[in-house]
Amino acid sequence: MESIYTPLTGVQYKEMSELVNRIKAELPNDHNSLSLIWNNFKAVTGRTDAQPCGCRSTAKYWGEAVDVLKKFIESVELKKQELSLHITTNPPIN
């Protein structure tokens, strides 16, 4: 059975979702956070675009990356809820 986090691991998902959920209006300004966002964006979309700089002129690319990751997080959280509901309403038979 495929993981609900695919193409990420659970650890990668947790780290990425914690970072993305903290983003409100501005991106983090450290290289590690930007790389984490961009690398996860590429993993989720399958794209191979080079990471843009963190300057204002590339805001549309970063906005797209964050939007894609937020939608990915929403889909994973929905899958978690559905899985939890399925387990709750259909407990294993021993």
PDB file of N, CA and C in Angstrom:
ATOM      1  N   MET A   1       0.848  -1.185   0.000  1.00  0.00           N
ATOM      2  CA  MET A   1       0.000   0.000   0.000  1.00  0.00           C
ATOM      3  C   MET A   1       0.890   1.244   0.000  1.00  0.00           C
ATOM      4  N   GLU A   2       0.554   2.181  -0.858  1.00  0.00           N
ATOM      5  CA  GLU A   2       1.327   3.419  -0.975  1.00  0.00           C
ATOM      6  C   GLU A   2       1.069   4.324   0.225  1.00  0.00           C
ATOM      7  N   SER A   3       2.098   4.996   0.693  1.00  0.00           N
ATOM      8  CA  SER A   3       1.985   5.924   1.806  1.00  0.00           C
ATOM      9  C   SER A   3       1.155   7.143   1.407  1.00  0.00           C
ATOM     10  N   ILE A   4       0.397   7.680   2.348  1.00  0.00           N
ATOM     11  CA  ILE A   4      -0.377   8.892   2.065  1.00  0.00           C
ATOM     12  C   ILE A   4       0.531  10.094   1.839  1.00  0.00           C
ATOM     13  N   TYR A   5       1.799   9.980   2.212  1.00  0.00           N
ATOM     14  CA  TYR A   5       2.751  11.089   2.057  1.00  0.00           C
ATOM     15  C   TYR A   5       3.475  11.071   0.711  1.00  0.00           C
ATOM     16  N   THR A   6       3.318  10.007  -0.069  1.00  0.00           N
ATOM     17  CA  THR A   6       4.038   9.864  -1.326  1.00  0.00           C
ATOM     18  C   THR A   6       3.808  11.078  -2.209  1.00  0.00           C
ATOM     19  N   PRO A   7       4.835  11.661  -2.762  1.00  0.00           N
ATOM     20  CA  PRO A   7       6.185  11.167  -2.988  1.00  0.00           C
ATOM     21  C   PRO A   7       7.163  11.489  -1.862  1.00  0.00           C
ATOM     22  N   LEU A   8       6.683  12.029  -0.762  1.00  0.00           N
ATOM     23  CA  LEU A   8       7.549  12.341   0.379  1.00  0.00           C
ATOM     24  C   LEU A   8       7.482  11.209   1.393  1.00  0.00           C
ATOM     25  N   THR A   9       8.423  11.227   2.324  1.00  0.00           N
ATOM     26  CA  THR A   9       8.341  10.332   3.476  1.00  0.00           C
ATOM     27  C   THR A   9       7.551  11.043   4.569  1.00  0.00           C
ATOM     28  N   GLY A  10       7.176  10.345   5.585  1.00  0.00           N
ATOM     29  CA  GLY A  10       6.474  10.967   6.702  1.00  0.00           C
ATOM     30  C   GLY A  10       7.305  12.051   7.361  1.00  0.00           C
ATOM     31  N   VAL A  11       8.595  11.812   7.499  1.00  0.00           N
ATOM     32  CA  VAL A  11       9.496  12.797   8.115  1.00  0.00           C
ATOM     33  C   VAL A  11       9.602  14.044   7.234  1.00  0.00           C
ATOM     34  N   GLN A  12       9.769  13.846   5.927  1.00  0.00           N
ATOM     35  CA  GLN A  12       9.844  14.983   5.007  1.00  0.00           C
ATOM     36  C   GLN A  12       8.534  15.774   5.025  1.00  0.00           C
ATOM     37  N   TYR A  13       7.426  15.064   5.048  1.00  0.00           N
ATOM     38  CA  TYR A  13       6.120  15.724   5.074  1.00  0.00           C
ATOM     39  C   TYR A  13       5.979  16.583   6.325  1.00  0.00           C
ATOM     40  N   LYS A  14       6.324  16.038   7.470  1.00  0.00           N
ATOM     41  CA  LYS A  14       6.194  16.768   8.730  1.00  0.00           C
ATOM     42  C   LYS A  14       7.026  18.040   8.704  1.00  0.00           C
ATOM     43  N   GLU A  15       8.280  17.921   8.286  1.00  0.00           N
ATOM     44  CA  GLU A  15       9.171  19.083   8.232  1.00  0.00           C
ATOM     45  C   GLU A  15       8.629  20.127   7.255  1.00  0.00           C
ATOM     46  N   MET A  16       8.202  19.691   6.083  1.00  0.00           N
ATOM     47  CA  MET A  16       7.697  20.608   5.073  1.00  0.00           C
ATOM     48  C   MET A  16       6.401  21.272   5.530  1.00  0.00           C
ATOM     49  N   SER A  17       5.482  20.494   6.075  1.00  0.00           N
ATOM     50  CA  SER A  17       4.192  21.067   6.471  1.00  0.00           C
ATOM     51  C   SER A  17       4.339  22.062   7.613  1.00  0.00           C
ATOM     52  N   GLU A  18       5.237  21.787   8.547  1.00  0.00           N
ATOM     53  CA  GLU A  18       5.462  22.745   9.634  1.00  0.00           C
ATOM     54  C   GLU A  18       5.984  24.064   9.087  1.00  0.00           C
ATOM     55  N   LEU A  19       6.904  23.996   8.129  1.00  0.00           N
ATOM     56  CA  LEU A  19       7.459  25.215   7.526  1.00  0.00           C
ATOM     57  C   LEU A  19       6.402  25.942   6.704  1.00  0.00           C
ATOM     58  N   VAL A  20       5.724  25.244   5.827  1.00  0.00           N
ATOM     59  CA  VAL A  20       4.741  25.876   4.939  1.00  0.00           C
ATOM     60  C   VAL A  20       3.583  26.473   5.739  1.00  0.00           C
ATOM     61  N   ASN A  21       3.146  25.805   6.778  1.00  0.00           N
ATOM     62  CA  ASN A  21       2.034  26.316   7.580  1.00  0.00           C
ATOM     63  C   ASN A  21       2.396  27.588   8.346  1.00  0.00           C
ATOM     64  N   ARG A  22       3.670  27.861   8.515  1.00  0.00           N
ATOM     65  CA  ARG A  22       4.104  29.109   9.174  1.00  0.00           C
ATOM     66  C   ARG A  22       4.163  30.285   8.199  1.00  0.00           C
ATOM     67  N   ILE A  23       4.121  30.016   6.904  1.00  0.00           N
ATOM     68  CA  ILE A  23       4.243  31.082   5.911  1.00  0.00           C
ATOM     69  C   ILE A  23       2.899  31.801   5.782  1.00  0.00           C
ATOM     70  N   LYS A  24       2.919  33.085   6.015  1.00  0.00           N
ATOM     71  CA  LYS A  24       1.700  33.896   5.888  1.00  0.00           C
ATOM     72  C   LYS A  24       1.829  34.846   4.703  1.00  0.00           C
ATOM     73  N   ALA A  25       2.722  35.815   4.773  1.00  0.00           N
ATOM     74  CA  ALA A  25       2.848  36.795   3.690  1.00  0.00           C
ATOM     75  C   ALA A  25       4.229  36.773   3.044  1.00  0.00           C
ATOM     76  N   GLU A  26       5.236  36.453   3.824  1.00  0.00           N
ATOM     77  CA  GLU A  26       6.593  36.477   3.290  1.00  0.00           C
ATOM     78  C   GLU A  26       7.275  35.135   3.485  1.00  0.00           C
ATOM     79  N   LEU A  27       8.132  34.820   2.543  1.00  0.00           N
ATOM     80  CA  LEU A  27       8.924  33.592   2.625  1.00  0.00           C
ATOM     81  C   LEU A  27       9.978  33.713   3.714  1.00  0.00           C
ATOM     82  N   PRO A  28      10.412  32.598   4.256  1.00  0.00           N
ATOM     83  CA  PRO A  28      11.570  32.641   5.149  1.00  0.00           C
ATOM     84  C   PRO A  28      12.771  33.137   4.342  1.00  0.00           C
ATOM     85  N   ASN A  29      13.715  33.763   4.987  1.00  0.00           N
ATOM     86  CA  ASN A  29      14.844  34.324   4.235  1.00  0.00           C
ATOM     87  C   ASN A  29      16.120  33.503   4.340  1.00  0.00           C
ATOM     88  N   ASP A  30      16.026  32.305   4.876  1.00  0.00           N
ATOM     89  CA  ASP A  30      17.233  31.482   4.961  1.00  0.00           C
ATOM     90  C   ASP A  30      17.251  30.452   3.831  1.00  0.00           C
ATOM     91  N   HIS A  31      18.435  30.168   3.352  1.00  0.00           N
ATOM     92  CA  HIS A  31      18.619  29.282   2.195  1.00  0.00           C
ATOM     93  C   HIS A  31      18.067  27.880   2.447  1.00  0.00           C
ATOM     94  N   ASN A  32      18.249  27.350   3.643  1.00  0.00           N
ATOM     95  CA  ASN A  32      17.776  25.984   3.933  1.00  0.00           C
ATOM     96  C   ASN A  32      16.257  25.867   3.808  1.00  0.00           C
ATOM     97  N   SER A  33      15.538  26.852   4.311  1.00  0.00           N
ATOM     98  CA  SER A  33      14.077  26.823   4.224  1.00  0.00           C
ATOM     99  C   SER A  33      13.617  26.952   2.783  1.00  0.00           C
ATOM    100  N   LEU A  34      14.252  27.846   2.037  1.00  0.00           N
ATOM    101  CA  LEU A  34      13.895  28.012   0.629  1.00  0.00           C
ATOM    102  C   LEU A  34      14.167  26.728  -0.153  1.00  0.00           C
ATOM    103  N   SER A  35      15.293  26.102   0.117  1.00  0.00           N
ATOM    104  CA  SER A  35      15.619  24.842  -0.562  1.00  0.00           C
ATOM    105  C   SER A  35      14.611  23.754  -0.204  1.00  0.00           C
ATOM    106  N   LEU A  36      14.215  23.686   1.050  1.00  0.00           N
ATOM    107  CA  LEU A  36      13.237  22.686   1.481  1.00  0.00           C
ATOM    108  C   LEU A  36      11.914  22.899   0.742  1.00  0.00           C
ATOM    109  N   ILE A  37      11.475  24.151   0.642  1.00  0.00           N
ATOM    110  CA  ILE A  37      10.234  24.452  -0.076  1.00  0.00           C
ATOM    111  C   ILE A  37      10.362  24.034  -1.540  1.00  0.00           C
ATOM    112  N   TRP A  38      11.441  24.468  -2.190  1.00  0.00           N
ATOM    113  CA  TRP A  38      11.583  24.210  -3.615  1.00  0.00           C
ATOM    114  C   TRP A  38      11.751  22.722  -3.917  1.00  0.00           C
ATOM    115  N   ASN A  39      12.559  22.036  -3.136  1.00  0.00           N
ATOM    116  CA  ASN A  39      12.777  20.603  -3.378  1.00  0.00           C
ATOM    117  C   ASN A  39      11.499  19.787  -3.181  1.00  0.00           C
ATOM    118  N   ASN A  40      10.704  20.162  -2.190  1.00  0.00           N
ATOM    119  CA  ASN A  40       9.437  19.464  -1.978  1.00  0.00           C
ATOM    120  C   ASN A  40       8.429  19.810  -3.067  1.00  0.00           C
ATOM    121  N   PHE A  41       8.440  21.041  -3.536  1.00  0.00           N
ATOM    122  CA  PHE A  41       7.601  21.444  -4.663  1.00  0.00           C
ATOM    123  C   PHE A  41       7.932  20.585  -5.882  1.00  0.00           C
ATOM    124  N   LYS A  42       9.217  20.420  -6.158  1.00  0.00           N
ATOM    125  CA  LYS A  42       9.629  19.602  -7.298  1.00  0.00           C
ATOM    126  C   LYS A  42       9.222  18.139  -7.102  1.00  0.00           C
ATOM    127  N   ALA A  43       9.361  17.633  -5.894  1.00  0.00           N
ATOM    128  CA  ALA A  43       8.991  16.240  -5.631  1.00  0.00           C
ATOM    129  C   ALA A  43       7.490  16.019  -5.829  1.00  0.00           C
ATOM    130  N   VAL A  44       6.692  16.949  -5.346  1.00  0.00           N
ATOM    131  CA  VAL A  44       5.237  16.818  -5.430  1.00  0.00           C
ATOM    132  C   VAL A  44       4.746  16.968  -6.873  1.00  0.00           C
ATOM    133  N   THR A  45       5.356  17.867  -7.622  1.00  0.00           N
ATOM    134  CA  THR A  45       4.887  18.140  -8.987  1.00  0.00           C
ATOM    135  C   THR A  45       5.607  17.328 -10.054  1.00  0.00           C
ATOM    136  N   GLY A  46       6.787  16.804  -9.728  1.00  0.00           N
ATOM    137  CA  GLY A  46       7.582  16.104 -10.731  1.00  0.00           C
ATOM    138  C   GLY A  46       8.330  17.042 -11.658  1.00  0.00           C
ATOM    139  N   ARG A  47       8.311  18.318 -11.344  1.00  0.00           N
ATOM    140  CA  ARG A  47       8.998  19.298 -12.186  1.00  0.00           C
ATOM    141  C   ARG A  47      10.485  19.318 -11.867  1.00  0.00           C
ATOM    142  N   THR A  48      11.249  19.880 -12.775  1.00  0.00           N
ATOM    143  CA  THR A  48      12.705  19.910 -12.607  1.00  0.00           C
ATOM    144  C   THR A  48      13.262  21.332 -12.672  1.00  0.00           C
ATOM    145  N   ASP A  49      12.421  22.326 -12.504  1.00  0.00           N
ATOM    146  CA  ASP A  49      12.846  23.724 -12.577  1.00  0.00           C
ATOM    147  C   ASP A  49      13.959  24.007 -11.572  1.00  0.00           C
ATOM    148  N   ALA A  50      14.913  24.815 -11.992  1.00  0.00           N
ATOM    149  CA  ALA A  50      15.975  25.247 -11.081  1.00  0.00           C
ATOM    150  C   ALA A  50      15.361  26.163 -10.020  1.00  0.00           C
ATOM    151  N   GLN A  51      15.932  26.121  -8.830  1.00  0.00           N
ATOM    152  CA  GLN A  51      15.424  26.957  -7.745  1.00  0.00           C
ATOM    153  C   GLN A  51      15.692  28.420  -8.039  1.00  0.00           C
ATOM    154  N   PRO A  52      14.644  29.259  -7.992  1.00  0.00           N
ATOM    155  CA  PRO A  52      14.855  30.692  -8.208  1.00  0.00           C
ATOM    156  C   PRO A  52      15.487  31.333  -6.975  1.00  0.00           C
ATOM    157  N   CYS A  53      16.004  32.523  -7.170  1.00  0.00           N
ATOM    158  CA  CYS A  53      16.542  33.260  -6.028  1.00  0.00           C
ATOM    159  C   CYS A  53      15.373  33.674  -5.134  1.00  0.00           C
ATOM    160  N   GLY A  54      15.677  34.162  -3.978  1.00  0.00           N
ATOM    161  CA  GLY A  54      14.626  34.554  -3.041  1.00  0.00           C
ATOM    162  C   GLY A  54      14.234  36.009  -3.158  1.00  0.00           C
ATOM    163  N   CYS A  55      14.563  36.662  -4.254  1.00  0.00           N
ATOM    164  CA  CYS A  55      14.256  38.088  -4.397  1.00  0.00           C
ATOM    165  C   CYS A  55      12.807  38.301  -4.838  1.00  0.00           C
ATOM    166  N   ARG A  56      12.347  39.510  -4.715  1.00  0.00           N
ATOM    167  CA  ARG A  56      10.948  39.837  -5.005  1.00  0.00           C
ATOM    168  C   ARG A  56      10.552  39.550  -6.461  1.00  0.00           C
ATOM    169  N   SER A  57      11.486  39.641  -7.357  1.00  0.00           N
ATOM    170  CA  SER A  57      11.160  39.451  -8.770  1.00  0.00           C
ATOM    171  C   SER A  57      10.757  37.999  -9.078  1.00  0.00           C
ATOM    172  N   THR A  58      11.025  37.088  -8.176  1.00  0.00           N
ATOM    173  CA  THR A  58      10.657  35.683  -8.392  1.00  0.00           C
ATOM    174  C   THR A  58       9.451  35.268  -7.539  1.00  0.00           C
ATOM    175  N   ALA A  59       8.754  36.249  -7.014  1.00  0.00           N
ATOM    176  CA  ALA A  59       7.632  35.972  -6.109  1.00  0.00           C
ATOM    177  C   ALA A  59       6.579  35.064  -6.733  1.00  0.00           C
ATOM    178  N   LYS A  60       6.319  35.199  -8.036  1.00  0.00           N
ATOM    179  CA  LYS A  60       5.276  34.359  -8.644  1.00  0.00           C
ATOM    180  C   LYS A  60       5.655  32.886  -8.604  1.00  0.00           C
ATOM    181  N   TYR A  61       6.949  32.575  -8.733  1.00  0.00           N
ATOM    182  CA  TYR A  61       7.392  31.174  -8.687  1.00  0.00           C
ATOM    183  C   TYR A  61       7.265  30.617  -7.276  1.00  0.00           C
ATOM    184  N   TRP A  62       7.674  31.422  -6.309  1.00  0.00           N
ATOM    185  CA  TRP A  62       7.575  30.981  -4.922  1.00  0.00           C
ATOM    186  C   TRP A  62       6.121  30.874  -4.482  1.00  0.00           C
ATOM    187  N   GLY A  63       5.296  31.812  -4.957  1.00  0.00           N
ATOM    188  CA  GLY A  63       3.871  31.747  -4.633  1.00  0.00           C
ATOM    189  C   GLY A  63       3.246  30.468  -5.156  1.00  0.00           C
ATOM    190  N   GLU A  64       3.610  30.097  -6.386  1.00  0.00           N
ATOM    191  CA  GLU A  64       3.103  28.851  -6.964  1.00  0.00           C
ATOM    192  C   GLU A  64       3.575  27.656  -6.139  1.00  0.00           C
ATOM    193  N   ALA A  65       4.851  27.652  -5.754  1.00  0.00           N
ATOM    194  CA  ALA A  65       5.396  26.532  -4.978  1.00  0.00           C
ATOM    195  C   ALA A  65       4.672  26.383  -3.646  1.00  0.00           C
ATOM    196  N   VAL A  66       4.477  27.487  -2.952  1.00  0.00           N
ATOM    197  CA  VAL A  66       3.801  27.436  -1.649  1.00  0.00           C
ATOM    198  C   VAL A  66       2.346  27.015  -1.823  1.00  0.00           C
ATOM    199  N   ASP A  67       1.671  27.535  -2.841  1.00  0.00           N
ATOM    200  CA  ASP A  67       0.272  27.140  -3.090  1.00  0.00           C
ATOM    201  C   ASP A  67       0.159  25.639  -3.364  1.00  0.00           C
ATOM    202  N   VAL A  68       1.050  25.121  -4.194  1.00  0.00           N
ATOM    203  CA  VAL A  68       1.036  23.684  -4.505  1.00  0.00           C
ATOM    204  C   VAL A  68       1.249  22.871  -3.232  1.00  0.00           C
ATOM    205  N   LEU A  69       2.210  23.289  -2.405  1.00  0.00           N
ATOM    206  CA  LEU A  69       2.490  22.545  -1.172  1.00  0.00           C
ATOM    207  C   LEU A  69       1.333  22.636  -0.187  1.00  0.00           C
ATOM    208  N   LYS A  70       0.681  23.791  -0.107  1.00  0.00           N
ATOM    209  CA  LYS A  70      -0.475  23.917   0.791  1.00  0.00           C
ATOM    210  C   LYS A  70      -1.609  23.004   0.329  1.00  0.00           C
ATOM    211  N   LYS A  71      -1.824  22.902  -0.975  1.00  0.00           N
ATOM    212  CA  LYS A  71      -2.852  21.995  -1.493  1.00  0.00           C
ATOM    213  C   LYS A  71      -2.468  20.542  -1.234  1.00  0.00           C
ATOM    214  N   PHE A  72      -1.185  20.227  -1.356  1.00  0.00           N
ATOM    215  CA  PHE A  72      -0.708  18.877  -1.054  1.00  0.00           C
ATOM    216  C   PHE A  72      -0.962  18.556   0.424  1.00  0.00           C
ATOM    217  N   ILE A  73      -0.658  19.501   1.302  1.00  0.00           N
ATOM    218  CA  ILE A  73      -0.892  19.314   2.740  1.00  0.00           C
ATOM    219  C   ILE A  73      -2.386  19.077   2.989  1.00  0.00           C
ATOM    220  N   GLU A  74      -3.239  19.874   2.370  1.00  0.00           N
ATOM    221  CA  GLU A  74      -4.686  19.697   2.533  1.00  0.00           C
ATOM    222  C   GLU A  74      -5.118  18.298   2.094  1.00  0.00           C
ATOM    223  N   SER A  75      -4.580  17.827   0.979  1.00  0.00           N
ATOM    224  CA  SER A  75      -4.978  16.500   0.486  1.00  0.00           C
ATOM    225  C   SER A  75      -4.501  15.396   1.424  1.00  0.00           C
ATOM    226  N   VAL A  76      -3.297  15.534   1.963  1.00  0.00           N
ATOM    227  CA  VAL A  76      -2.789  14.532   2.911  1.00  0.00           C
ATOM    228  C   VAL A  76      -3.624  14.541   4.186  1.00  0.00           C
ATOM    229  N   GLU A  77      -3.945  15.722   4.681  1.00  0.00           N
ATOM    230  CA  GLU A  77      -4.740  15.808   5.916  1.00  0.00           C
ATOM    231  C   GLU A  77      -6.138  15.226   5.701  1.00  0.00           C
ATOM    232  N   LEU A  78      -6.706  15.423   4.514  1.00  0.00           N
ATOM    233  CA  LEU A  78      -8.000  14.830   4.195  1.00  0.00           C
ATOM    234  C   LEU A  78      -7.889  13.304   4.163  1.00  0.00           C
ATOM    235  N   LYS A  79      -6.823  12.792   3.562  1.00  0.00           N
ATOM    236  CA  LYS A  79      -6.609  11.338   3.532  1.00  0.00           C
ATOM    237  C   LYS A  79      -6.466  10.790   4.945  1.00  0.00           C
ATOM    238  N   LYS A  80      -5.778  11.532   5.812  1.00  0.00           N
ATOM    239  CA  LYS A  80      -5.628  11.099   7.211  1.00  0.00           C
ATOM    240  C   LYS A  80      -6.996  11.009   7.888  1.00  0.00           C
ATOM    241  N   GLN A  81      -7.831  12.026   7.660  1.00  0.00           N
ATOM    242  CA  GLN A  81      -9.166  12.023   8.258  1.00  0.00           C
ATOM    243  C   GLN A  81      -9.994  10.860   7.734  1.00  0.00           C
ATOM    244  N   GLU A  82      -9.936  10.639   6.427  1.00  0.00           N
ATOM    245  CA  GLU A  82     -10.691   9.532   5.834  1.00  0.00           C
ATOM    246  C   GLU A  82     -10.211   8.192   6.375  1.00  0.00           C
ATOM    247  N   LEU A  83      -8.904   8.037   6.497  1.00  0.00           N
ATOM    248  CA  LEU A  83      -8.338   6.804   7.023  1.00  0.00           C
ATOM    249  C   LEU A  83      -8.750   6.604   8.474  1.00  0.00           C
ATOM    250  N   SER A  84      -8.705   7.665   9.264  1.00  0.00           N
ATOM    251  CA  SER A  84      -9.108   7.591  10.663  1.00  0.00           C
ATOM    252  C   SER A  84     -10.580   7.232  10.782  1.00  0.00           C
ATOM    253  N   LEU A  85     -11.410   7.839   9.940  1.00  0.00           N
ATOM    254  CA  LEU A  85     -12.841   7.545   9.953  1.00  0.00           C
ATOM    255  C   LEU A  85     -13.088   6.098   9.558  1.00  0.00           C
ATOM    256  N   HIS A  86     -12.378   5.620   8.556  1.00  0.00           N
ATOM    257  CA  HIS A  86     -12.534   4.224   8.113  1.00  0.00           C
ATOM    258  C   HIS A  86     -12.154   3.252   9.230  1.00  0.00           C
ATOM    259  N   ILE A  87     -11.071   3.529   9.916  1.00  0.00           N
ATOM    260  CA  ILE A  87     -10.623   2.651  11.006  1.00  0.00           C
ATOM    261  C   ILE A  87     -11.608   2.700  12.155  1.00  0.00           C
ATOM    262  N   THR A  88     -12.132   3.889  12.460  1.00  0.00           N
ATOM    263  CA  THR A  88     -13.079   4.045  13.556  1.00  0.00           C
ATOM    264  C   THR A  88     -14.394   3.330  13.269  1.00  0.00           C
ATOM    265  N   THR A  89     -14.871   3.436  12.021  1.00  0.00           N
ATOM    266  CA  THR A  89     -16.176   2.834  11.691  1.00  0.00           C
ATOM    267  C   THR A  89     -16.051   1.366  11.279  1.00  0.00           C
ATOM    268  N   ASN A  90     -14.841   0.931  10.952  1.00  0.00           N
ATOM    269  CA  ASN A  90     -14.615  -0.456  10.554  1.00  0.00           C
ATOM    270  C   ASN A  90     -13.427  -1.039  11.322  1.00  0.00           C
ATOM    271  N   PRO A  91     -13.604  -1.250  12.623  1.00  0.00           N
ATOM    272  CA  PRO A  91     -12.475  -1.786  13.398  1.00  0.00           C
ATOM    273  C   PRO A  91     -12.090  -3.170  12.917  1.00  0.00           C
ATOM    274  N   PRO A  92     -10.803  -3.512  13.047  1.00  0.00           N
ATOM    275  CA  PRO A  92     -10.378  -4.847  12.617  1.00  0.00           C
ATOM    276  C   PRO A  92     -11.089  -5.947  13.397  1.00  0.00           C
ATOM    277  N   ILE A  93     -11.357  -7.004  12.721  1.00  0.00           N
ATOM    278  CA  ILE A  93     -12.008  -8.166  13.367  1.00  0.00           C
ATOM    279  C   ILE A  93     -10.907  -9.128  13.785  1.00  0.00           C
ATOM    280  N   ASN A  94     -10.920  -9.496  15.055  1.00  0.00           N
ATOM    281  CA  ASN A  94      -9.885 -10.425  15.561  1.00  0.00           C
ATOM    282  C   ASN A  94     -10.454 -11.797  15.686  1.00  0.00           C
TER     283      ASN A  94
END
